Amino acid sequence: MSDVETRLFSLAQENLDLGRDPDWDLKLSESDLSSMDAVAFIKLVNHEFGIDIPPEDLADIDTMRALAKYIEGQTA
């Protein structure tokens, strides 16, 4: 697991009430997150990694794995 994946996993465990560990390949829309929780989590991710994910890029980020890859691309 990369450093980004490890930190993202921890953030998800600490801040998302999933009732289980995050599934890297489950579509975020299928993860029982409310839209408010999803927006709050993306804001947290932006802050933690010092990035700003524009709304048009969010449409292509459909799993936690895709989010980790996006972050890695922005912070490389």
Protein backbone atom coordinates (compact mmCIF):
# COMPACT_ATOMS: atom_id res chain seq x y z
CA MET A 1 0.00 0.00 0.00
CA SER A 2 1.42 3.40 -0.95
CA ASP A 3 1.76 6.26 1.56
CA VAL A 4 -1.20 7.99 -0.09
CA GLU A 5 -3.34 4.84 0.15
CA THR A 6 -2.36 4.34 3.79
CA ARG A 7 -3.26 7.92 4.72
CA LEU A 8 -6.47 7.83 2.68
CA PHE A 9 -7.46 4.54 4.33
CA SER A 10 -6.89 6.08 7.77
CA LEU A 11 -8.89 9.19 6.87
CA ALA A 12 -11.77 7.03 5.67
CA GLN A 13 -11.71 4.90 8.81
CA GLU A 14 -11.60 7.98 11.05
CA ASN A 15 -14.17 10.10 9.24
CA LEU A 16 -16.61 7.90 7.36
CA ASP A 17 -19.23 5.86 9.19
CA LEU A 18 -19.09 2.85 6.87
CA GLY A 19 -19.36 0.15 9.54
CA ARG A 20 -16.47 -1.66 7.83
CA ASP A 21 -13.07 -1.00 6.32
CA PRO A 22 -13.17 0.97 3.08
CA ASP A 23 -13.34 -1.19 -0.05
CA TRP A 24 -10.81 0.17 -2.57
CA ASP A 25 -12.73 -1.06 -5.59
CA LEU A 26 -16.33 -0.45 -4.53
CA LYS A 27 -17.90 2.43 -6.37
CA LEU A 28 -18.29 5.35 -4.00
CA SER A 29 -21.93 5.67 -5.08
CA GLU A 30 -22.49 2.13 -3.76
CA SER A 31 -20.79 2.68 -0.40
CA ASP A 32 -23.83 4.01 1.49
CA LEU A 33 -22.30 7.47 1.90
CA SER A 34 -24.63 10.42 1.96
CA SER A 35 -23.78 13.17 -0.48
CA MET A 36 -23.04 15.46 2.47
CA ASP A 37 -20.56 12.94 3.91
CA ALA A 38 -18.94 12.52 0.50
CA VAL A 39 -18.51 16.28 0.05
CA ALA A 40 -17.11 16.64 3.58
CA PHE A 41 -14.68 13.79 2.94
CA ILE A 42 -13.44 15.31 -0.33
CA LYS A 43 -12.91 18.63 1.47
CA LEU A 44 -10.91 16.80 4.13
CA VAL A 45 -8.87 15.00 1.47
CA ASN A 46 -8.18 18.31 -0.28
CA HIS A 47 -6.95 19.80 2.99
CA GLU A 48 -4.89 16.79 4.09
CA PHE A 49 -3.08 16.41 0.78
CA GLY A 50 -2.86 20.11 -0.11
CA ILE A 51 -4.77 19.69 -3.37
CA ASP A 52 -8.01 21.01 -4.83
CA ILE A 53 -10.02 18.43 -6.73
CA PRO A 54 -12.23 20.32 -9.20
CA PRO A 55 -15.83 19.10 -9.57
CA GLU A 56 -15.25 18.08 -13.18
CA ASP A 57 -12.51 15.66 -12.05
CA LEU A 58 -14.73 14.12 -9.36
CA ALA A 59 -16.92 12.55 -12.04
CA ASP A 60 -13.97 10.32 -13.02
CA ILE A 61 -13.07 9.38 -9.44
CA ASP A 62 -15.50 6.58 -8.71
CA THR A 63 -13.56 4.40 -6.22
CA MET A 64 -11.16 4.92 -3.33
CA ARG A 65 -8.42 3.40 -5.51
CA ALA A 66 -9.15 5.97 -8.23
CA LEU A 67 -9.05 8.72 -5.60
CA ALA A 68 -5.66 7.51 -4.36
CA LYS A 69 -4.28 7.44 -7.92
CA TYR A 70 -5.62 10.93 -8.56
CA ILE A 71 -3.96 12.24 -5.38
CA GLU A 72 -0.68 10.55 -6.28
CA GLY A 73 -0.79 12.23 -9.69
CA GLN A 74 -1.41 15.63 -8.14
CA THR A 75 1.27 15.37 -5.47
CA ALA A 76 4.01 13.77 -7.57
